[in-house]
Amino acid sequence: MWKWEAEGPPKAVVAIVHNVYEHHSRNAWLIQKLRNSGFHVVTGDLPGHGAEGVGKIHDEQFDAYAKFVEKLIAVGLDDNLPLFIIGHGIGATFVMRLLQRKKIECAGAVFSSPWLALRHQPPKFSNVLTKFSSSMKLNHEIDIEMLTRNSDLYEEAKQDDFYNDEFTVAWYKELQSFIKLVAQSERSVHDIPVLMHIAEEDKITDIVLAKKWFIRQELSEFQYKQWKRLYHDVYQEPEREEVYLYTESFMNNVLRSLGYVV
């Protein structure tokens, strides 16, 4: 786990849960923006990700991911400040599942491009389900050009040794079961303010299903924003400043409703 303190007096804490295959450093820009705006930030690498995952393929237990998210939230609550959770991709889905299961003491949550159904499947996956063992290695083949239109990030991403989208067949089957469980659960997430960012040109996930899921939730306060032209990684896109300002406005409004002076 890592913690970055706000530049100046803190008004809240933000816990960030990153997407599968990547690592917390890909959120460096977002972390700095939050710090500049008066938020402490806590985050870390999911089990089997980042430096821990170099040279390995993903075969982690999904219970380990759930425990990581709970621990991250517990660290975020240590400062006795309002806590917001930002989850991106499968990170958003992990937070959704936690909020389906438990009441979490947090001020609000932000979901961006949640994985509730995948448009992009591993190219060879359908062929290996019945032919090979569950330990066989596959590659999801999600490259940086599928995630963002921001060409300034392409060279850096291609030299990123920590990005790893290889996994076992068994792991991917569990991934599919997990996102189906969250998407089809009849239980609403805990009633806290929630903002969902959806990228209209998302090449990875099914945005129609994500919107339907969000509408079904029994929430007293919620915002849905579908960004025209944007790809999956909304906080990496050329328009990321607009995405950030929308996120910050949501959090500041929640803080005002809680009686905090922003």
C-alpha atoms as a PDB file:
ATOM      1  CA  MET A   1       0.000   0.000   0.000  1.00  0.00           C
ATOM      2  CA  TRP A   2       1.104   3.563  -0.683  1.00  0.00           C
ATOM      3  CA  LYS A   3      -0.215   6.855   0.653  1.00  0.00           C
ATOM      4  CA  TRP A   4       0.280  10.318  -0.802  1.00  0.00           C
ATOM      5  CA  GLU A   5      -0.693  13.302   1.326  1.00  0.00           C
ATOM      6  CA  ALA A   6      -2.659  16.263   0.033  1.00  0.00           C
ATOM      7  CA  GLU A   7      -0.925  19.487  -0.928  1.00  0.00           C
ATOM      8  CA  GLY A   8      -2.225  21.604   1.940  1.00  0.00           C
ATOM      9  CA  PRO A   9      -4.974  20.809   4.457  1.00  0.00           C
ATOM     10  CA  PRO A  10      -6.788  17.587   3.460  1.00  0.00           C
ATOM     11  CA  LYS A  11     -10.537  17.572   2.971  1.00  0.00           C
ATOM     12  CA  ALA A  12     -10.976  13.845   2.260  1.00  0.00           C
ATOM     13  CA  VAL A  13      -9.199  10.622   1.322  1.00  0.00           C
ATOM     14  CA  VAL A  14      -9.466   8.820  -2.026  1.00  0.00           C
ATOM     15  CA  ALA A  15      -8.733   5.096  -2.310  1.00  0.00           C
ATOM     16  CA  ILE A  16      -7.985   3.981  -5.884  1.00  0.00           C
ATOM     17  CA  VAL A  17      -8.479   0.401  -7.114  1.00  0.00           C
ATOM     18  CA  HIS A  18      -6.767  -0.044 -10.472  1.00  0.00           C
ATOM     19  CA  ASN A  19      -7.774  -2.231 -13.403  1.00  0.00           C
ATOM     20  CA  VAL A  20      -6.662  -5.791 -14.002  1.00  0.00           C
ATOM     21  CA  TYR A  21      -3.293  -6.396 -15.767  1.00  0.00           C
ATOM     22  CA  GLU A  22      -1.940  -2.963 -14.803  1.00  0.00           C
ATOM     23  CA  HIS A  23      -0.525  -1.377 -11.627  1.00  0.00           C
ATOM     24  CA  HIS A  24      -1.009   1.669  -9.429  1.00  0.00           C
ATOM     25  CA  SER A  25       1.658   3.780 -11.180  1.00  0.00           C
ATOM     26  CA  ARG A  26      -0.549   4.110 -14.250  1.00  0.00           C
ATOM     27  CA  ASN A  27      -2.664   6.448 -12.089  1.00  0.00           C
ATOM     28  CA  ALA A  28       0.229   8.837 -11.371  1.00  0.00           C
ATOM     29  CA  TRP A  29      -1.477  11.744 -13.175  1.00  0.00           C
ATOM     30  CA  LEU A  30      -4.766  11.188 -11.324  1.00  0.00           C
ATOM     31  CA  ILE A  31      -2.995  10.841  -7.974  1.00  0.00           C
ATOM     32  CA  GLN A  32      -1.233  14.180  -8.425  1.00  0.00           C
ATOM     33  CA  LYS A  33      -4.444  15.934  -9.508  1.00  0.00           C
ATOM     34  CA  LEU A  34      -6.202  14.676  -6.383  1.00  0.00           C
ATOM     35  CA  ARG A  35      -3.339  15.756  -4.118  1.00  0.00           C
ATOM     36  CA  ASN A  36      -3.345  19.221  -5.677  1.00  0.00           C
ATOM     37  CA  SER A  37      -7.078  19.444  -4.938  1.00  0.00           C
ATOM     38  CA  GLY A  38      -6.747  18.627  -1.235  1.00  0.00           C
ATOM     39  CA  PHE A  39      -7.215  14.851  -1.163  1.00  0.00           C
ATOM     40  CA  HIS A  40      -5.008  12.273   0.499  1.00  0.00           C
ATOM     41  CA  VAL A  41      -4.639   9.255  -1.807  1.00  0.00           C
ATOM     42  CA  VAL A  42      -4.136   5.602  -0.873  1.00  0.00           C
ATOM     43  CA  THR A  43      -3.606   2.856  -3.404  1.00  0.00           C
ATOM     44  CA  GLY A  44      -1.491  -0.177  -4.207  1.00  0.00           C
ATOM     45  CA  ASP A  45      -1.056  -3.052  -6.621  1.00  0.00           C
ATOM     46  CA  LEU A  46      -3.635  -5.818  -6.730  1.00  0.00           C
ATOM     47  CA  PRO A  47      -2.243  -9.247  -5.756  1.00  0.00           C
ATOM     48  CA  GLY A  48      -0.108 -10.637  -8.581  1.00  0.00           C
ATOM     49  CA  HIS A  49       0.163  -7.210 -10.247  1.00  0.00           C
ATOM     50  CA  GLY A  50       2.903  -4.628 -10.506  1.00  0.00           C
ATOM     51  CA  ALA A  51       6.403  -5.679  -9.442  1.00  0.00           C
ATOM     52  CA  GLU A  52       4.973  -8.804  -7.811  1.00  0.00           C
ATOM     53  CA  GLY A  53       3.651 -10.052 -11.140  1.00  0.00           C
ATOM     54  CA  VAL A  54       6.753  -9.596 -13.300  1.00  0.00           C
ATOM     55  CA  GLY A  55       7.558 -12.845 -15.114  1.00  0.00           C
ATOM     56  CA  LYS A  56       4.369 -14.539 -13.912  1.00  0.00           C
ATOM     57  CA  ILE A  57       0.933 -15.191 -15.357  1.00  0.00           C
ATOM     58  CA  HIS A  58      -2.263 -14.331 -13.562  1.00  0.00           C
ATOM     59  CA  ASP A  59      -3.671 -17.228 -11.596  1.00  0.00           C
ATOM     60  CA  GLU A  60      -4.518 -15.430  -8.339  1.00  0.00           C
ATOM     61  CA  GLN A  61      -7.568 -16.310  -6.266  1.00  0.00           C
ATOM     62  CA  PHE A  62     -10.334 -13.738  -6.517  1.00  0.00           C
ATOM     63  CA  ASP A  63     -10.747 -13.853  -2.739  1.00  0.00           C
ATOM     64  CA  ALA A  64      -7.277 -12.300  -2.543  1.00  0.00           C
ATOM     65  CA  TYR A  65      -8.466  -9.370  -4.642  1.00  0.00           C
ATOM     66  CA  ALA A  66     -11.464  -8.874  -2.345  1.00  0.00           C
ATOM     67  CA  LYS A  67      -9.250  -8.902   0.762  1.00  0.00           C
ATOM     68  CA  PHE A  68      -6.933  -6.356  -0.851  1.00  0.00           C
ATOM     69  CA  VAL A  69      -9.824  -3.952  -1.530  1.00  0.00           C
ATOM     70  CA  GLU A  70     -11.083  -4.272   2.038  1.00  0.00           C
ATOM     71  CA  LYS A  71      -7.588  -3.615   3.400  1.00  0.00           C
ATOM     72  CA  LEU A  72      -7.180  -0.595   1.117  1.00  0.00           C
ATOM     73  CA  ILE A  73     -10.445   0.866   2.391  1.00  0.00           C
ATOM     74  CA  ALA A  74      -9.412   0.228   6.003  1.00  0.00           C
ATOM     75  CA  VAL A  75      -6.177   2.153   5.406  1.00  0.00           C
ATOM     76  CA  GLY A  76      -8.161   4.987   3.838  1.00  0.00           C
ATOM     77  CA  LEU A  77     -10.371   5.243   6.921  1.00  0.00           C
ATOM     78  CA  ASP A  78      -7.401   5.621   9.290  1.00  0.00           C
ATOM     79  CA  ASP A  79      -7.267   9.408   8.808  1.00  0.00           C
ATOM     80  CA  ASN A  80     -10.801   9.914  10.129  1.00  0.00           C
ATOM     81  CA  LEU A  81     -11.688  11.934   7.035  1.00  0.00           C
ATOM     82  CA  PRO A  82     -14.479  11.309   4.515  1.00  0.00           C
ATOM     83  CA  LEU A  83     -13.428   8.481   2.198  1.00  0.00           C
ATOM     84  CA  PHE A  84     -14.161   8.152  -1.518  1.00  0.00           C
ATOM     85  CA  ILE A  85     -13.367   5.019  -3.527  1.00  0.00           C
ATOM     86  CA  ILE A  86     -12.427   5.240  -7.203  1.00  0.00           C
ATOM     87  CA  GLY A  87     -12.509   1.910  -9.022  1.00  0.00           C
ATOM     88  CA  HIS A  88     -11.526   1.515 -12.650  1.00  0.00           C
ATOM     89  CA  GLY A  89     -12.286  -1.454 -14.910  1.00  0.00           C
ATOM     90  CA  ILE A  90     -12.326  -4.664 -12.897  1.00  0.00           C
ATOM     91  CA  GLY A  91     -11.297  -2.481  -9.937  1.00  0.00           C
ATOM     92  CA  ALA A  92     -14.741  -0.890 -10.135  1.00  0.00           C
ATOM     93  CA  THR A  93     -16.319  -4.353 -10.253  1.00  0.00           C
ATOM     94  CA  PHE A  94     -14.427  -5.413  -7.118  1.00  0.00           C
ATOM     95  CA  VAL A  95     -15.773  -2.353  -5.294  1.00  0.00           C
ATOM     96  CA  MET A  96     -19.286  -3.027  -6.587  1.00  0.00           C
ATOM     97  CA  ARG A  97     -19.180  -6.546  -5.202  1.00  0.00           C
ATOM     98  CA  LEU A  98     -17.978  -5.315  -1.824  1.00  0.00           C
ATOM     99  CA  LEU A  99     -20.805  -2.766  -1.708  1.00  0.00           C
ATOM    100  CA  GLN A 100     -23.288  -5.519  -2.590  1.00  0.00           C
ATOM    101  CA  ARG A 101     -22.073  -7.559   0.362  1.00  0.00           C
ATOM    102  CA  LYS A 102     -21.329  -4.993   3.068  1.00  0.00           C
ATOM    103  CA  LYS A 103     -22.099  -1.542   4.388  1.00  0.00           C
ATOM    104  CA  ILE A 104     -18.895   0.457   3.973  1.00  0.00           C
ATOM    105  CA  GLU A 105     -18.285   3.680   5.862  1.00  0.00           C
ATOM    106  CA  CYS A 106     -17.409   5.844   2.891  1.00  0.00           C
ATOM    107  CA  ALA A 107     -18.706   9.142   1.560  1.00  0.00           C
ATOM    108  CA  GLY A 108     -19.119   7.958  -2.023  1.00  0.00           C
ATOM    109  CA  ALA A 109     -17.776   5.890  -4.899  1.00  0.00           C
ATOM    110  CA  VAL A 110     -16.705   6.551  -8.479  1.00  0.00           C
ATOM    111  CA  PHE A 111     -16.845   3.729 -11.036  1.00  0.00           C
ATOM    112  CA  SER A 112     -15.139   4.135 -14.403  1.00  0.00           C
ATOM    113  CA  SER A 113     -15.538   1.632 -17.253  1.00  0.00           C
ATOM    114  CA  PRO A 114     -16.614  -1.254 -14.990  1.00  0.00           C
ATOM    115  CA  TRP A 115     -16.224  -4.816 -16.219  1.00  0.00           C
ATOM    116  CA  LEU A 116     -19.762  -6.256 -16.124  1.00  0.00           C
ATOM    117  CA  ALA A 117     -19.574  -7.894 -19.556  1.00  0.00           C
ATOM    118  CA  LEU A 118     -16.666  -8.027 -21.972  1.00  0.00           C
ATOM    119  CA  ARG A 119     -16.794  -7.117 -25.647  1.00  0.00           C
ATOM    120  CA  HIS A 120     -13.167  -8.076 -26.184  1.00  0.00           C
ATOM    121  CA  GLN A 121     -12.418 -11.709 -25.420  1.00  0.00           C
ATOM    122  CA  PRO A 122      -9.009 -13.413 -25.701  1.00  0.00           C
ATOM    123  CA  PRO A 123      -8.769 -14.391 -29.384  1.00  0.00           C
ATOM    124  CA  LYS A 124      -8.080 -18.066 -28.692  1.00  0.00           C
ATOM    125  CA  PHE A 125     -10.285 -18.506 -25.641  1.00  0.00           C
ATOM    126  CA  SER A 126     -13.308 -20.184 -27.250  1.00  0.00           C
ATOM    127  CA  ASN A 127     -11.064 -22.779 -28.887  1.00  0.00           C
ATOM    128  CA  VAL A 128      -9.224 -23.835 -25.750  1.00  0.00           C
ATOM    129  CA  LEU A 129     -12.117 -24.250 -23.341  1.00  0.00           C
ATOM    130  CA  THR A 130     -12.682 -27.878 -24.222  1.00  0.00           C
ATOM    131  CA  LYS A 131      -9.299 -28.785 -25.696  1.00  0.00           C
ATOM    132  CA  PHE A 132      -6.701 -27.806 -23.103  1.00  0.00           C
ATOM    133  CA  SER A 133      -6.045 -27.889 -19.367  1.00  0.00           C
ATOM    134  CA  SER A 134      -7.086 -25.122 -16.997  1.00  0.00           C
ATOM    135  CA  SER A 135      -3.412 -24.239 -16.452  1.00  0.00           C
ATOM    136  CA  MET A 136      -2.826 -23.325 -20.098  1.00  0.00           C
ATOM    137  CA  LYS A 137      -1.587 -19.756 -20.627  1.00  0.00           C
ATOM    138  CA  LEU A 138      -3.608 -17.262 -22.679  1.00  0.00           C
ATOM    139  CA  ASN A 139      -3.147 -13.609 -23.572  1.00  0.00           C
ATOM    140  CA  HIS A 140      -6.043 -11.146 -23.530  1.00  0.00           C
ATOM    141  CA  GLU A 141      -4.250  -9.058 -26.167  1.00  0.00           C
ATOM    142  CA  ILE A 142      -5.363  -5.687 -24.853  1.00  0.00           C
ATOM    143  CA  ASP A 143      -2.820  -3.153 -26.050  1.00  0.00           C
ATOM    144  CA  ILE A 144      -2.515   0.536 -25.256  1.00  0.00           C
ATOM    145  CA  GLU A 145      -4.174   1.605 -28.514  1.00  0.00           C
ATOM    146  CA  MET A 146      -7.354  -0.195 -27.416  1.00  0.00           C
ATOM    147  CA  LEU A 147      -7.377   1.598 -24.073  1.00  0.00           C
ATOM    148  CA  THR A 148      -6.745   5.229 -24.980  1.00  0.00           C
ATOM    149  CA  ARG A 149      -6.460   7.638 -27.902  1.00  0.00           C
ATOM    150  CA  ASN A 150      -3.740   9.546 -26.049  1.00  0.00           C
ATOM    151  CA  SER A 151      -0.737   8.837 -28.282  1.00  0.00           C
ATOM    152  CA  ASP A 152       1.553  10.675 -25.847  1.00  0.00           C
ATOM    153  CA  LEU A 153       1.296   7.601 -23.611  1.00  0.00           C
ATOM    154  CA  TYR A 154       1.947   4.941 -26.244  1.00  0.00           C
ATOM    155  CA  GLU A 155       5.735   4.725 -26.056  1.00  0.00           C
ATOM    156  CA  GLU A 156       5.796   4.732 -22.267  1.00  0.00           C
ATOM    157  CA  ALA A 157       3.130   2.013 -22.127  1.00  0.00           C
ATOM    158  CA  LYS A 158       4.988  -0.215 -24.592  1.00  0.00           C
ATOM    159  CA  GLN A 159       8.044  -0.097 -22.315  1.00  0.00           C
ATOM    160  CA  ASP A 160       6.005  -0.873 -19.188  1.00  0.00           C
ATOM    161  CA  ASP A 161       7.383  -4.136 -17.791  1.00  0.00           C
ATOM    162  CA  PHE A 162       4.687  -4.237 -15.114  1.00  0.00           C
ATOM    163  CA  TYR A 163       1.740  -4.443 -17.520  1.00  0.00           C
ATOM    164  CA  ASN A 164       0.828  -8.105 -17.963  1.00  0.00           C
ATOM    165  CA  ASP A 165      -2.314  -9.470 -19.640  1.00  0.00           C
ATOM    166  CA  GLU A 166      -1.375 -13.165 -19.585  1.00  0.00           C
ATOM    167  CA  PHE A 167      -3.380 -15.621 -17.461  1.00  0.00           C
ATOM    168  CA  THR A 168      -4.411 -19.225 -17.061  1.00  0.00           C
ATOM    169  CA  VAL A 169      -7.637 -20.584 -18.503  1.00  0.00           C
ATOM    170  CA  ALA A 170      -8.841 -21.319 -14.960  1.00  0.00           C
ATOM    171  CA  TRP A 171      -8.258 -17.705 -13.903  1.00  0.00           C
ATOM    172  CA  TYR A 172     -10.185 -16.352 -16.874  1.00  0.00           C
ATOM    173  CA  LYS A 173     -13.108 -18.680 -16.208  1.00  0.00           C
ATOM    174  CA  GLU A 174     -13.220 -17.353 -12.643  1.00  0.00           C
ATOM    175  CA  LEU A 175     -13.081 -13.799 -13.978  1.00  0.00           C
ATOM    176  CA  GLN A 176     -16.103 -14.461 -16.177  1.00  0.00           C
ATOM    177  CA  SER A 177     -18.007 -16.054 -13.295  1.00  0.00           C
ATOM    178  CA  PHE A 178     -17.169 -13.128 -11.035  1.00  0.00           C
ATOM    179  CA  ILE A 179     -18.334 -10.355 -13.357  1.00  0.00           C
ATOM    180  CA  LYS A 180     -21.499 -12.342 -14.127  1.00  0.00           C
ATOM    181  CA  LEU A 181     -22.169 -12.670 -10.384  1.00  0.00           C
ATOM    182  CA  VAL A 182     -21.876  -8.912  -9.879  1.00  0.00           C
ATOM    183  CA  ALA A 183     -23.858  -8.019 -13.001  1.00  0.00           C
ATOM    184  CA  GLN A 184     -26.754 -10.362 -12.256  1.00  0.00           C
ATOM    185  CA  SER A 185     -26.974  -9.996  -8.484  1.00  0.00           C
ATOM    186  CA  GLU A 186     -30.420  -8.971  -7.268  1.00  0.00           C
ATOM    187  CA  ARG A 187     -28.832  -7.121  -4.347  1.00  0.00           C
ATOM    188  CA  SER A 188     -28.267  -3.406  -4.843  1.00  0.00           C
ATOM    189  CA  VAL A 189     -25.007  -1.839  -3.785  1.00  0.00           C
ATOM    190  CA  HIS A 190     -25.005  -0.047  -0.439  1.00  0.00           C
ATOM    191  CA  ASP A 191     -26.839   3.287  -0.707  1.00  0.00           C
ATOM    192  CA  ILE A 192     -24.062   5.853  -0.964  1.00  0.00           C
ATOM    193  CA  PRO A 193     -23.539   8.598  -3.582  1.00  0.00           C
ATOM    194  CA  VAL A 194     -22.131   7.038  -6.748  1.00  0.00           C
ATOM    195  CA  LEU A 195     -20.768   8.466  -9.995  1.00  0.00           C
ATOM    196  CA  MET A 196     -20.286   6.223 -13.020  1.00  0.00           C
ATOM    197  CA  HIS A 197     -18.085   7.200 -15.966  1.00  0.00           C
ATOM    198  CA  ILE A 198     -18.705   5.314 -19.213  1.00  0.00           C
ATOM    199  CA  ALA A 199     -16.635   5.684 -22.399  1.00  0.00           C
ATOM    200  CA  GLU A 200     -18.819   5.759 -25.503  1.00  0.00           C
ATOM    201  CA  GLU A 201     -16.088   4.151 -27.667  1.00  0.00           C
ATOM    202  CA  ASP A 202     -15.047   1.547 -25.089  1.00  0.00           C
ATOM    203  CA  LYS A 203     -13.524  -1.385 -26.984  1.00  0.00           C
ATOM    204  CA  ILE A 204     -13.217  -3.615 -23.913  1.00  0.00           C
ATOM    205  CA  THR A 205     -16.551  -3.677 -22.104  1.00  0.00           C
ATOM    206  CA  ASP A 206     -20.276  -3.654 -22.846  1.00  0.00           C
ATOM    207  CA  ILE A 207     -21.411  -0.149 -21.914  1.00  0.00           C
ATOM    208  CA  VAL A 208     -25.119  -0.890 -22.504  1.00  0.00           C
ATOM    209  CA  LEU A 209     -25.152  -3.571 -19.818  1.00  0.00           C
ATOM    210  CA  ALA A 210     -23.218  -1.320 -17.431  1.00  0.00           C
ATOM    211  CA  LYS A 211     -25.838   1.425 -17.777  1.00  0.00           C
ATOM    212  CA  LYS A 212     -28.691  -1.047 -17.234  1.00  0.00           C
ATOM    213  CA  TRP A 213     -26.962  -2.358 -14.108  1.00  0.00           C
ATOM    214  CA  PHE A 214     -26.533   1.170 -12.762  1.00  0.00           C
ATOM    215  CA  ILE A 215     -30.183   2.076 -13.316  1.00  0.00           C
ATOM    216  CA  ARG A 216     -31.257  -1.017 -11.355  1.00  0.00           C
ATOM    217  CA  GLN A 217     -29.397   0.076  -8.225  1.00  0.00           C
ATOM    218  CA  GLU A 218     -31.515   1.489  -5.424  1.00  0.00           C
ATOM    219  CA  LEU A 219     -29.483   4.653  -4.894  1.00  0.00           C
ATOM    220  CA  SER A 220     -30.654   7.923  -3.403  1.00  0.00           C
ATOM    221  CA  GLU A 221     -27.905   9.950  -5.085  1.00  0.00           C
ATOM    222  CA  PHE A 222     -26.216   8.978  -8.339  1.00  0.00           C
ATOM    223  CA  GLN A 223     -24.714  10.456 -11.494  1.00  0.00           C
ATOM    224  CA  TYR A 224     -24.111   8.788 -14.853  1.00  0.00           C
ATOM    225  CA  LYS A 225     -21.783  10.327 -17.419  1.00  0.00           C
ATOM    226  CA  GLN A 226     -21.242   8.826 -20.875  1.00  0.00           C
ATOM    227  CA  TRP A 227     -18.243  10.436 -22.541  1.00  0.00           C
ATOM    228  CA  LYS A 228     -18.443  10.864 -26.301  1.00  0.00           C
ATOM    229  CA  ARG A 229     -15.420   9.647 -28.300  1.00  0.00           C
ATOM    230  CA  LEU A 230     -13.541   8.400 -25.230  1.00  0.00           C
ATOM    231  CA  TYR A 231     -11.940   4.946 -24.973  1.00  0.00           C
ATOM    232  CA  HIS A 232     -11.851   2.619 -21.964  1.00  0.00           C
ATOM    233  CA  ASP A 233      -9.203   4.418 -19.857  1.00  0.00           C
ATOM    234  CA  VAL A 234     -11.079   7.646 -19.252  1.00  0.00           C
ATOM    235  CA  TYR A 235      -8.409   9.043 -16.904  1.00  0.00           C
ATOM    236  CA  GLN A 236      -5.754   8.545 -19.604  1.00  0.00           C
ATOM    237  CA  GLU A 237      -7.625  10.118 -22.499  1.00  0.00           C
ATOM    238  CA  PRO A 238      -6.826  13.500 -24.100  1.00  0.00           C
ATOM    239  CA  GLU A 239      -9.974  14.791 -22.329  1.00  0.00           C
ATOM    240  CA  ARG A 240      -8.867  13.483 -18.924  1.00  0.00           C
ATOM    241  CA  GLU A 241      -8.829  16.998 -17.436  1.00  0.00           C
ATOM    242  CA  GLU A 242     -12.582  17.217 -18.098  1.00  0.00           C
ATOM    243  CA  VAL A 243     -13.117  13.748 -16.616  1.00  0.00           C
ATOM    244  CA  TYR A 244     -11.166  14.738 -13.524  1.00  0.00           C
ATOM    245  CA  LEU A 245     -13.074  18.004 -13.036  1.00  0.00           C
ATOM    246  CA  TYR A 246     -16.374  16.114 -13.301  1.00  0.00           C
ATOM    247  CA  THR A 247     -15.108  13.657 -10.654  1.00  0.00           C
ATOM    248  CA  GLU A 248     -13.862  16.398  -8.342  1.00  0.00           C
ATOM    249  CA  SER A 249     -17.156  18.289  -8.635  1.00  0.00           C
ATOM    250  CA  PHE A 250     -19.051  15.147  -7.639  1.00  0.00           C
ATOM    251  CA  MET A 251     -16.871  14.625  -4.567  1.00  0.00           C
ATOM    252  CA  ASN A 252     -17.024  18.277  -3.531  1.00  0.00           C
ATOM    253  CA  ASN A 253     -20.824  18.246  -3.777  1.00  0.00           C
ATOM    254  CA  VAL A 254     -20.968  15.156  -1.572  1.00  0.00           C
ATOM    255  CA  LEU A 255     -18.693  16.824   0.975  1.00  0.00           C
ATOM    256  CA  ARG A 256     -20.928  19.904   1.031  1.00  0.00           C
ATOM    257  CA  SER A 257     -23.978  17.714   1.628  1.00  0.00           C
ATOM    258  CA  LEU A 258     -22.136  16.190   4.603  1.00  0.00           C
ATOM    259  CA  GLY A 259     -21.581  19.646   6.064  1.00  0.00           C
ATOM    260  CA  TYR A 260     -17.963  20.170   5.089  1.00  0.00           C
ATOM    261  CA  VAL A 261     -16.729  23.532   3.827  1.00  0.00           C
ATOM    262  CA  VAL A 262     -15.058  22.969   0.446  1.00  0.00           C
END
